[in-house]
């Protein structure tokens, strides 16, 4: 709809980072760089990797050590294949030289049930796990932003742990291509 709308400022859309990822995963009818007028980035997400509180994995270093000793045995969930939380752990795996097994879920609720029930060993997602971390049921190993979060200031980022990995999945508002700068 946005691609075909008149550039008069009356048709706008929220544009998540997935509009950049989608062309790499399937055929689309737009060029993400040419077919939109980018107006503003509103915010992003806090992502992180959690394990159960009773897990012997207490840090990312422990996780990498486990994954090296047991290739493919560490199972982690995410809200789906190709999502930012999935791809960040795949990037971490590649940079650490380990293999982990991805288990896609339809969302954080299913992932939390699987993790808390002991069906998977970790979960990578946005802060739907937050109440479980705050209640002590889950341990947050790392977040994926460029700096530590205000809510969990003692938890390191993957960047500061040396993995040169940052993801906050920015999203914003855009319009059709060719909008008048005064309208923007």
N, C-alpha and C. Protein backbone atom coordinates (compact mmCIF):
# COMPACT_ATOMS: atom_id res chain seq x y z
N UNK A 1 0.83 -1.20 0.00
CA UNK A 1 0.00 0.00 0.00
C UNK A 1 0.87 1.25 0.00
N UNK A 2 1.89 1.25 0.82
CA UNK A 2 2.75 2.42 0.93
C UNK A 2 3.48 2.72 -0.37
N UNK A 3 3.94 1.70 -1.02
CA UNK A 3 4.67 1.87 -2.28
C UNK A 3 3.79 2.53 -3.34
N UNK A 4 2.51 2.20 -3.35
CA UNK A 4 1.60 2.70 -4.38
C UNK A 4 0.84 3.96 -3.98
N UNK A 5 1.02 4.44 -2.77
CA UNK A 5 0.29 5.62 -2.29
C UNK A 5 0.85 6.90 -2.88
N UNK A 6 0.00 7.91 -2.94
CA UNK A 6 0.45 9.24 -3.38
C UNK A 6 1.36 9.82 -2.30
N UNK A 7 2.42 10.51 -2.68
CA UNK A 7 3.36 11.06 -1.69
C UNK A 7 2.91 12.39 -1.10
N UNK A 8 1.65 12.43 -0.64
CA UNK A 8 1.08 13.68 -0.13
C UNK A 8 1.12 13.80 1.39
N UNK A 9 1.65 12.77 2.07
CA UNK A 9 1.75 12.81 3.52
C UNK A 9 0.55 12.23 4.25
N UNK A 10 -0.47 11.79 3.52
CA UNK A 10 -1.66 11.22 4.15
C UNK A 10 -1.56 9.72 4.36
N UNK A 11 -0.60 9.09 3.70
CA UNK A 11 -0.38 7.66 3.90
C UNK A 11 1.02 7.46 4.44
N UNK A 12 1.09 7.01 5.68
CA UNK A 12 2.36 6.73 6.34
C UNK A 12 2.29 5.31 6.91
N UNK A 13 3.44 4.77 7.21
CA UNK A 13 3.47 3.43 7.79
C UNK A 13 4.61 3.31 8.78
N UNK A 14 4.40 2.42 9.74
CA UNK A 14 5.49 2.04 10.62
C UNK A 14 6.38 1.08 9.82
N UNK A 15 7.67 1.32 9.82
CA UNK A 15 8.59 0.49 9.05
C UNK A 15 9.62 -0.13 9.99
N UNK A 16 9.44 -1.41 10.31
CA UNK A 16 10.41 -2.10 11.17
C UNK A 16 11.64 -2.50 10.36
N UNK A 17 12.67 -2.92 11.04
CA UNK A 17 13.90 -3.32 10.37
C UNK A 17 13.67 -4.50 9.43
N UNK A 18 12.60 -5.25 9.65
CA UNK A 18 12.33 -6.41 8.79
C UNK A 18 12.11 -6.03 7.33
N UNK A 19 11.76 -4.77 7.04
CA UNK A 19 11.63 -4.38 5.63
C UNK A 19 12.98 -4.45 4.92
N UNK A 20 14.07 -4.33 5.66
CA UNK A 20 15.41 -4.47 5.07
C UNK A 20 15.78 -5.95 4.92
N UNK A 21 15.29 -6.79 5.82
CA UNK A 21 15.63 -8.20 5.82
C UNK A 21 14.79 -9.00 4.82
N UNK A 22 13.54 -8.61 4.64
CA UNK A 22 12.61 -9.35 3.81
C UNK A 22 13.11 -9.62 2.39
N UNK A 23 13.70 -8.65 1.69
CA UNK A 23 14.16 -8.92 0.33
C UNK A 23 15.23 -10.01 0.24
N UNK A 24 15.89 -10.29 1.35
CA UNK A 24 16.91 -11.34 1.36
C UNK A 24 16.30 -12.72 1.63
N UNK A 25 15.02 -12.72 2.02
CA UNK A 25 14.37 -13.97 2.38
C UNK A 25 13.27 -14.39 1.41
N UNK A 26 12.72 -13.43 0.67
CA UNK A 26 11.64 -13.73 -0.27
C UNK A 26 11.55 -12.62 -1.31
N UNK A 27 10.81 -12.89 -2.36
CA UNK A 27 10.62 -11.89 -3.41
C UNK A 27 9.64 -10.83 -2.90
N UNK A 28 10.00 -9.56 -3.06
CA UNK A 28 9.14 -8.46 -2.65
C UNK A 28 8.95 -7.52 -3.83
N UNK A 29 7.93 -6.69 -3.74
CA UNK A 29 7.59 -5.77 -4.82
C UNK A 29 8.06 -4.34 -4.54
N UNK A 30 9.14 -4.21 -3.77
CA UNK A 30 9.65 -2.88 -3.46
C UNK A 30 11.15 -2.93 -3.29
N UNK A 31 11.77 -1.78 -3.47
CA UNK A 31 13.18 -1.59 -3.18
C UNK A 31 13.23 -0.74 -1.91
N UNK A 32 13.69 -1.33 -0.84
CA UNK A 32 13.63 -0.68 0.46
C UNK A 32 14.38 0.66 0.49
N UNK A 33 15.40 0.80 -0.33
CA UNK A 33 16.17 2.04 -0.33
C UNK A 33 15.58 3.10 -1.25
N UNK A 34 14.80 2.69 -2.25
CA UNK A 34 14.31 3.65 -3.25
C UNK A 34 12.82 3.94 -3.17
N UNK A 35 12.03 3.04 -2.60
CA UNK A 35 10.58 3.17 -2.69
C UNK A 35 9.91 3.79 -1.47
N UNK A 36 10.68 4.27 -0.52
CA UNK A 36 10.10 4.90 0.66
C UNK A 36 10.78 6.24 0.93
N UNK A 37 10.04 7.12 1.58
CA UNK A 37 10.62 8.33 2.14
C UNK A 37 10.74 8.07 3.64
N UNK A 38 11.96 8.04 4.11
CA UNK A 38 12.21 7.76 5.53
C UNK A 38 12.02 9.05 6.31
N UNK A 39 11.15 9.00 7.33
CA UNK A 39 10.79 10.21 8.08
C UNK A 39 11.49 10.28 9.43
N UNK A 40 11.36 9.23 10.24
CA UNK A 40 11.96 9.27 11.58
C UNK A 40 12.14 7.86 12.12
N UNK A 41 13.21 7.67 12.85
CA UNK A 41 13.41 6.44 13.62
C UNK A 41 12.83 6.73 15.00
N UNK A 42 11.87 5.93 15.42
CA UNK A 42 11.21 6.17 16.70
C UNK A 42 11.95 5.54 17.87
N UNK A 43 12.32 4.29 17.73
CA UNK A 43 12.96 3.58 18.83
C UNK A 43 13.46 2.24 18.33
N UNK A 44 13.86 1.41 19.24
CA UNK A 44 14.27 0.05 18.93
C UNK A 44 13.88 -0.83 20.10
N UNK A 45 14.34 -2.03 20.08
CA UNK A 45 14.01 -3.00 21.12
C UNK A 45 15.23 -3.31 21.96
N UNK A 46 14.99 -3.72 23.19
CA UNK A 46 16.04 -4.32 24.00
C UNK A 46 15.92 -5.82 23.80
N UNK A 47 16.98 -6.41 23.26
CA UNK A 47 17.03 -7.85 23.07
C UNK A 47 18.05 -8.43 24.03
N UNK A 48 17.87 -9.71 24.36
CA UNK A 48 18.84 -10.38 25.20
C UNK A 48 18.69 -11.88 25.14
N UNK A 49 19.67 -12.55 25.71
CA UNK A 49 19.70 -14.00 25.77
C UNK A 49 19.56 -14.42 27.22
N UNK A 50 18.56 -15.27 27.49
CA UNK A 50 18.29 -15.72 28.84
C UNK A 50 18.40 -17.23 28.94
N UNK A 51 18.73 -17.69 30.13
CA UNK A 51 18.73 -19.11 30.48
C UNK A 51 17.96 -19.23 31.79
N UNK A 52 17.60 -20.44 32.16
CA UNK A 52 16.94 -20.63 33.44
C UNK A 52 17.91 -20.27 34.58
N UNK A 53 17.36 -19.83 35.68
CA UNK A 53 18.18 -19.43 36.82
C UNK A 53 19.00 -20.60 37.37
N UNK A 54 18.50 -21.83 37.21
CA UNK A 54 19.22 -22.99 37.72
C UNK A 54 20.20 -23.57 36.70
N UNK A 55 20.37 -22.90 35.57
CA UNK A 55 21.31 -23.36 34.55
C UNK A 55 22.74 -23.24 35.04
N UNK A 56 23.59 -24.20 34.70
CA UNK A 56 25.01 -24.05 35.05
C UNK A 56 25.70 -22.98 34.20
N UNK A 57 25.04 -22.52 33.16
CA UNK A 57 25.59 -21.46 32.31
C UNK A 57 25.26 -20.13 32.95
N UNK A 58 26.32 -19.47 33.47
CA UNK A 58 26.12 -18.22 34.20
C UNK A 58 26.52 -16.99 33.40
N UNK A 59 27.32 -17.18 32.34
CA UNK A 59 27.83 -16.07 31.53
C UNK A 59 27.87 -16.49 30.06
N UNK A 60 28.10 -15.54 29.19
CA UNK A 60 28.28 -15.85 27.77
C UNK A 60 29.54 -16.70 27.59
N UNK A 61 30.56 -16.44 28.39
CA UNK A 61 31.78 -17.25 28.33
C UNK A 61 31.46 -18.71 28.65
N UNK A 62 30.62 -18.94 29.66
CA UNK A 62 30.19 -20.30 29.99
C UNK A 62 29.44 -20.92 28.83
N UNK A 63 28.57 -20.13 28.20
CA UNK A 63 27.79 -20.62 27.07
C UNK A 63 28.70 -21.04 25.92
N UNK A 64 29.66 -20.20 25.58
CA UNK A 64 30.59 -20.51 24.50
C UNK A 64 31.40 -21.76 24.86
N UNK A 65 31.83 -21.85 26.09
CA UNK A 65 32.57 -23.03 26.53
C UNK A 65 31.75 -24.30 26.41
N UNK A 66 30.49 -24.23 26.82
CA UNK A 66 29.60 -25.37 26.70
C UNK A 66 29.40 -25.74 25.23
N UNK A 67 29.15 -24.74 24.40
CA UNK A 67 28.90 -24.99 22.98
C UNK A 67 30.12 -25.57 22.27
N UNK A 68 31.32 -25.18 22.71
CA UNK A 68 32.54 -25.76 22.13
C UNK A 68 32.71 -27.21 22.55
N UNK A 69 32.39 -27.50 23.80
CA UNK A 69 32.53 -28.86 24.31
C UNK A 69 31.41 -29.78 23.82
N UNK A 70 30.26 -29.19 23.47
CA UNK A 70 29.08 -29.98 23.07
C UNK A 70 28.46 -29.35 21.81
N UNK A 71 29.12 -29.47 20.65
CA UNK A 71 28.62 -28.83 19.43
C UNK A 71 27.17 -29.19 19.12
N UNK A 72 26.36 -28.15 18.90
CA UNK A 72 24.97 -28.33 18.50
C UNK A 72 24.02 -28.74 19.61
N UNK A 73 24.51 -28.91 20.82
CA UNK A 73 23.64 -29.36 21.91
C UNK A 73 22.92 -28.22 22.63
N UNK A 74 23.48 -27.02 22.59
CA UNK A 74 22.80 -25.90 23.24
C UNK A 74 21.63 -25.49 22.36
N UNK A 75 20.42 -25.61 22.89
CA UNK A 75 19.21 -25.26 22.15
C UNK A 75 18.73 -23.90 22.62
N UNK A 76 18.43 -23.04 21.65
CA UNK A 76 17.91 -21.72 22.00
C UNK A 76 16.68 -21.42 21.16
N UNK A 77 15.72 -20.79 21.79
CA UNK A 77 14.52 -20.37 21.09
C UNK A 77 14.61 -18.92 20.68
N UNK A 78 13.74 -18.57 19.73
CA UNK A 78 13.59 -17.18 19.30
C UNK A 78 12.17 -17.02 18.79
N UNK A 79 11.73 -15.79 18.50
CA UNK A 79 10.38 -15.60 17.98
C UNK A 79 10.27 -15.95 16.48
N UNK A 80 11.23 -16.66 15.94
CA UNK A 80 11.09 -17.14 14.57
C UNK A 80 12.37 -17.03 13.77
N UNK A 81 12.46 -17.85 12.75
CA UNK A 81 13.60 -17.86 11.85
C UNK A 81 13.71 -16.53 11.11
N UNK A 82 14.89 -15.96 11.10
CA UNK A 82 15.13 -14.71 10.39
C UNK A 82 14.82 -13.46 11.18
N UNK A 83 14.37 -13.61 12.42
CA UNK A 83 14.12 -12.43 13.26
C UNK A 83 15.45 -11.93 13.83
N UNK A 84 15.46 -10.71 14.30
CA UNK A 84 16.68 -10.17 14.90
C UNK A 84 17.20 -11.05 16.04
N UNK A 85 16.34 -11.49 16.98
CA UNK A 85 16.86 -12.33 18.06
C UNK A 85 17.48 -13.64 17.57
N UNK A 86 16.95 -14.21 16.51
CA UNK A 86 17.54 -15.43 15.94
C UNK A 86 18.89 -15.11 15.31
N UNK A 87 18.92 -14.09 14.47
CA UNK A 87 20.14 -13.79 13.72
C UNK A 87 21.29 -13.34 14.61
N UNK A 88 20.99 -12.66 15.71
CA UNK A 88 22.06 -12.23 16.62
C UNK A 88 22.77 -13.44 17.22
N UNK A 89 22.01 -14.46 17.63
CA UNK A 89 22.65 -15.64 18.22
C UNK A 89 23.42 -16.41 17.14
N UNK A 90 22.91 -16.42 15.92
CA UNK A 90 23.66 -17.05 14.83
C UNK A 90 24.98 -16.29 14.59
N UNK A 91 24.92 -14.97 14.66
CA UNK A 91 26.14 -14.16 14.51
C UNK A 91 27.11 -14.42 15.66
N UNK A 92 26.59 -14.47 16.89
CA UNK A 92 27.42 -14.80 18.05
C UNK A 92 28.07 -16.16 17.86
N UNK A 93 27.29 -17.14 17.41
CA UNK A 93 27.82 -18.49 17.19
C UNK A 93 28.96 -18.47 16.18
N UNK A 94 28.76 -17.75 15.08
CA UNK A 94 29.78 -17.69 14.04
C UNK A 94 31.04 -17.02 14.55
N UNK A 95 30.89 -15.93 15.29
CA UNK A 95 32.07 -15.21 15.79
C UNK A 95 32.79 -15.99 16.89
N UNK A 96 32.03 -16.80 17.65
CA UNK A 96 32.65 -17.60 18.72
C UNK A 96 33.15 -18.94 18.19
N UNK A 97 32.80 -19.28 16.95
CA UNK A 97 33.22 -20.55 16.37
C UNK A 97 32.52 -21.76 16.97
N UNK A 98 31.23 -21.58 17.30
CA UNK A 98 30.45 -22.67 17.89
C UNK A 98 29.17 -22.91 17.08
N UNK A 99 28.53 -24.02 17.38
CA UNK A 99 27.25 -24.34 16.75
C UNK A 99 26.21 -24.51 17.84
N UNK A 100 25.09 -23.81 17.68
CA UNK A 100 23.96 -23.95 18.59
C UNK A 100 22.74 -24.31 17.77
N UNK A 101 21.78 -24.95 18.39
CA UNK A 101 20.58 -25.39 17.68
C UNK A 101 19.45 -24.41 17.91
N UNK A 102 18.94 -23.83 16.82
CA UNK A 102 17.85 -22.86 16.89
C UNK A 102 16.51 -23.57 16.87
N UNK A 103 15.62 -23.15 17.77
CA UNK A 103 14.25 -23.66 17.83
C UNK A 103 13.32 -22.45 17.67
N UNK A 104 12.68 -22.29 16.51
CA UNK A 104 11.79 -21.13 16.32
C UNK A 104 10.44 -21.32 17.01
N UNK A 105 9.94 -20.24 17.58
CA UNK A 105 8.62 -20.23 18.20
C UNK A 105 7.79 -19.13 17.57
N UNK A 106 6.50 -19.13 17.84
CA UNK A 106 5.61 -18.11 17.28
C UNK A 106 5.70 -16.80 18.05
N UNK A 107 6.34 -16.81 19.19
CA UNK A 107 6.45 -15.59 19.98
C UNK A 107 7.06 -15.88 21.34
N UNK A 108 7.16 -14.84 22.15
CA UNK A 108 7.82 -14.96 23.44
C UNK A 108 7.05 -15.87 24.40
N UNK A 109 5.73 -15.90 24.34
CA UNK A 109 4.96 -16.74 25.27
C UNK A 109 5.32 -18.21 25.10
N UNK A 110 5.33 -18.69 23.85
CA UNK A 110 5.70 -20.09 23.62
C UNK A 110 7.15 -20.35 24.01
N UNK A 111 8.02 -19.41 23.69
CA UNK A 111 9.43 -19.57 24.04
C UNK A 111 9.66 -19.62 25.54
N UNK A 112 8.95 -18.78 26.28
CA UNK A 112 9.10 -18.78 27.73
C UNK A 112 8.58 -20.09 28.33
N UNK A 113 7.47 -20.60 27.81
CA UNK A 113 6.96 -21.89 28.29
C UNK A 113 7.98 -22.99 28.07
N UNK A 114 8.58 -22.99 26.89
CA UNK A 114 9.57 -24.03 26.57
C UNK A 114 10.81 -23.90 27.44
N UNK A 115 11.27 -22.68 27.67
CA UNK A 115 12.47 -22.48 28.48
C UNK A 115 12.19 -22.81 29.95
N UNK A 116 11.13 -22.25 30.50
CA UNK A 116 10.80 -22.51 31.90
C UNK A 116 10.47 -23.97 32.14
N UNK A 117 9.94 -24.66 31.12
CA UNK A 117 9.62 -26.07 31.23
C UNK A 117 10.81 -26.98 31.00
N UNK A 118 11.97 -26.41 30.65
CA UNK A 118 13.17 -27.20 30.45
C UNK A 118 13.27 -27.88 29.09
N UNK A 119 12.48 -27.43 28.12
CA UNK A 119 12.50 -28.04 26.79
C UNK A 119 13.59 -27.45 25.90
N UNK A 120 14.03 -26.25 26.20
CA UNK A 120 15.15 -25.60 25.52
C UNK A 120 16.07 -25.05 26.60
N UNK A 121 17.30 -24.72 26.22
CA UNK A 121 18.29 -24.29 27.20
C UNK A 121 18.42 -22.78 27.33
N UNK A 122 17.99 -22.04 26.31
CA UNK A 122 18.08 -20.59 26.32
C UNK A 122 17.04 -20.00 25.40
N UNK A 123 16.85 -18.68 25.51
CA UNK A 123 15.91 -18.00 24.62
C UNK A 123 16.43 -16.61 24.32
N UNK A 124 16.36 -16.25 23.06
CA UNK A 124 16.79 -14.94 22.58
C UNK A 124 15.55 -14.19 22.10
N UNK A 125 15.29 -13.03 22.69
CA UNK A 125 14.07 -12.30 22.33
C UNK A 125 14.14 -10.90 22.91
N UNK A 126 13.06 -10.13 22.66
CA UNK A 126 12.93 -8.84 23.31
C UNK A 126 12.46 -9.08 24.74
N UNK A 127 12.12 -8.07 25.47
CA UNK A 127 12.00 -8.13 26.92
C UNK A 127 10.76 -8.83 27.47
N UNK A 128 10.12 -9.68 26.70
CA UNK A 128 9.04 -10.49 27.26
C UNK A 128 9.53 -11.38 28.39
N UNK A 129 10.82 -11.64 28.41
CA UNK A 129 11.43 -12.42 29.49
C UNK A 129 11.70 -11.58 30.73
N UNK A 130 11.55 -10.27 30.63
CA UNK A 130 11.90 -9.36 31.72
C UNK A 130 11.31 -9.69 33.08
N UNK A 131 10.00 -9.94 33.17
CA UNK A 131 9.43 -10.27 34.47
C UNK A 131 10.04 -11.53 35.09
N UNK A 132 10.41 -12.50 34.25
CA UNK A 132 11.03 -13.73 34.75
C UNK A 132 12.46 -13.47 35.24
N UNK A 133 13.17 -12.57 34.58
CA UNK A 133 14.51 -12.18 35.03
C UNK A 133 14.39 -11.44 36.36
N UNK A 134 13.47 -10.48 36.41
CA UNK A 134 13.28 -9.71 37.64
C UNK A 134 12.85 -10.58 38.81
N UNK A 135 12.07 -11.63 38.54
CA UNK A 135 11.59 -12.52 39.60
C UNK A 135 12.60 -13.59 39.97
N UNK A 136 13.72 -13.65 39.24
CA UNK A 136 14.75 -14.62 39.57
C UNK A 136 14.57 -16.00 38.95
N UNK A 137 13.61 -16.16 38.07
CA UNK A 137 13.39 -17.45 37.41
C UNK A 137 14.32 -17.65 36.21
N UNK A 138 14.77 -16.54 35.60
CA UNK A 138 15.67 -16.59 34.45
C UNK A 138 16.88 -15.72 34.72
N UNK A 139 17.99 -16.04 34.06
CA UNK A 139 19.23 -15.26 34.15
C UNK A 139 19.48 -14.64 32.78
N UNK A 140 19.68 -13.34 32.76
CA UNK A 140 19.99 -12.61 31.53
C UNK A 140 21.50 -12.61 31.35
N UNK A 141 21.97 -13.27 30.28
CA UNK A 141 23.41 -13.40 30.04
C UNK A 141 24.00 -12.16 29.39
N UNK A 142 23.28 -11.59 28.43
CA UNK A 142 23.77 -10.41 27.71
C UNK A 142 22.62 -9.75 26.99
N UNK A 143 22.78 -8.46 26.73
CA UNK A 143 21.84 -7.75 25.87
C UNK A 143 22.58 -7.41 24.58
N UNK A 144 21.83 -6.98 23.57
CA UNK A 144 22.40 -6.83 22.23
C UNK A 144 22.57 -5.37 21.78
N UNK A 145 22.26 -4.42 22.63
CA UNK A 145 22.37 -3.01 22.25
C UNK A 145 23.81 -2.53 22.27
N UNK A 146 24.00 -1.27 21.91
CA UNK A 146 25.34 -0.68 21.89
C UNK A 146 25.82 -0.29 23.29
N UNK A 147 24.88 -0.22 24.23
CA UNK A 147 25.25 0.09 25.62
C UNK A 147 24.34 -0.67 26.55
N UNK A 148 24.74 -0.78 27.79
CA UNK A 148 23.95 -1.49 28.79
C UNK A 148 22.60 -0.81 28.99
N UNK A 149 21.63 -1.61 29.42
CA UNK A 149 20.29 -1.07 29.63
C UNK A 149 20.18 -0.43 31.00
N UNK A 150 19.26 0.50 31.12
CA UNK A 150 18.99 1.11 32.42
C UNK A 150 18.33 0.11 33.36
N UNK A 151 17.50 -0.77 32.81
CA UNK A 151 16.76 -1.73 33.64
C UNK A 151 17.66 -2.81 34.21
N UNK A 152 18.66 -3.25 33.43
CA UNK A 152 19.58 -4.30 33.88
C UNK A 152 21.02 -3.81 33.69
N UNK A 153 21.44 -2.81 34.46
CA UNK A 153 22.75 -2.19 34.24
C UNK A 153 23.95 -3.09 34.53
N UNK A 154 23.74 -4.19 35.24
CA UNK A 154 24.85 -5.09 35.54
C UNK A 154 25.07 -6.15 34.47
N UNK A 155 24.21 -6.17 33.47
CA UNK A 155 24.29 -7.18 32.42
C UNK A 155 25.09 -6.61 31.25
N UNK A 156 26.14 -7.31 30.82
CA UNK A 156 26.97 -6.81 29.72
C UNK A 156 26.28 -6.94 28.36
N UNK A 157 26.78 -6.18 27.41
CA UNK A 157 26.32 -6.31 26.03
C UNK A 157 27.25 -7.26 25.30
N UNK A 158 26.78 -7.83 24.20
CA UNK A 158 27.65 -8.67 23.38
C UNK A 158 28.82 -7.85 22.84
N UNK A 159 28.56 -6.59 22.57
CA UNK A 159 29.61 -5.70 22.06
C UNK A 159 30.75 -5.59 23.07
N UNK A 160 30.42 -5.33 24.32
CA UNK A 160 31.49 -5.15 25.31
C UNK A 160 32.17 -6.47 25.66
N UNK A 161 31.51 -7.59 25.38
CA UNK A 161 32.13 -8.89 25.60
C UNK A 161 33.07 -9.28 24.47
N UNK A 162 33.17 -8.41 23.46
CA UNK A 162 34.13 -8.62 22.39
C UNK A 162 33.58 -9.28 21.14
N UNK A 163 32.26 -9.39 21.00
CA UNK A 163 31.69 -10.07 19.84
C UNK A 163 31.28 -9.12 18.71
N UNK A 164 31.52 -7.83 18.85
CA UNK A 164 31.21 -6.84 17.81
C UNK A 164 29.83 -7.11 17.19
N UNK A 165 28.86 -7.31 18.05
CA UNK A 165 27.50 -7.60 17.62
C UNK A 165 26.56 -6.64 18.34
N UNK A 166 25.81 -5.85 17.55
CA UNK A 166 24.85 -4.91 18.10
C UNK A 166 23.55 -5.05 17.32
N UNK A 167 22.44 -5.15 18.04
CA UNK A 167 21.13 -5.19 17.40
C UNK A 167 20.10 -4.60 18.34
N UNK A 168 19.44 -3.56 17.88
CA UNK A 168 18.32 -3.03 18.66
C UNK A 168 17.07 -2.96 17.81
N UNK A 169 17.14 -3.49 16.60
CA UNK A 169 16.00 -3.61 15.69
C UNK A 169 15.22 -2.30 15.59
N UNK A 170 15.84 -1.25 15.08
CA UNK A 170 15.16 0.04 15.02
C UNK A 170 13.94 0.00 14.11
N UNK A 171 12.97 0.82 14.45
CA UNK A 171 11.84 0.99 13.55
C UNK A 171 11.40 2.44 13.61
N UNK A 172 10.71 2.83 12.55
CA UNK A 172 10.30 4.21 12.48
C UNK A 172 9.09 4.38 11.58
N UNK A 173 8.95 5.58 11.06
CA UNK A 173 7.82 5.93 10.21
C UNK A 173 8.35 6.38 8.86
N UNK A 174 7.66 5.94 7.82
CA UNK A 174 8.02 6.33 6.48
C UNK A 174 6.78 6.58 5.65
N UNK A 175 7.03 7.14 4.48
CA UNK A 175 5.95 7.40 3.53
C UNK A 175 6.36 6.92 2.15
N UNK A 176 5.51 7.15 1.17
CA UNK A 176 5.87 6.76 -0.19
C UNK A 176 7.05 7.58 -0.70
N UNK A 177 7.74 7.05 -1.70
CA UNK A 177 8.87 7.80 -2.24
C UNK A 177 8.39 9.10 -2.86
N UNK A 178 9.27 10.08 -2.83
CA UNK A 178 8.99 11.35 -3.47
C UNK A 178 8.21 12.35 -2.66
N UNK A 179 8.14 12.18 -1.36
CA UNK A 179 7.41 13.16 -0.54
C UNK A 179 8.16 14.49 -0.53
N UNK A 180 7.42 15.57 -0.55
CA UNK A 180 7.97 16.91 -0.49
C UNK A 180 8.65 17.08 0.88
N UNK A 181 9.87 17.56 0.92
CA UNK A 181 10.56 17.74 2.21
C UNK A 181 9.77 18.61 3.19
N UNK A 182 8.99 19.55 2.72
CA UNK A 182 8.18 20.38 3.62
C UNK A 182 7.10 19.54 4.30
N UNK A 183 6.57 18.56 3.58
CA UNK A 183 5.57 17.66 4.16
C UNK A 183 6.23 16.72 5.17
N UNK A 184 7.41 16.26 4.83
CA UNK A 184 8.15 15.37 5.75
C UNK A 184 8.41 16.11 7.04
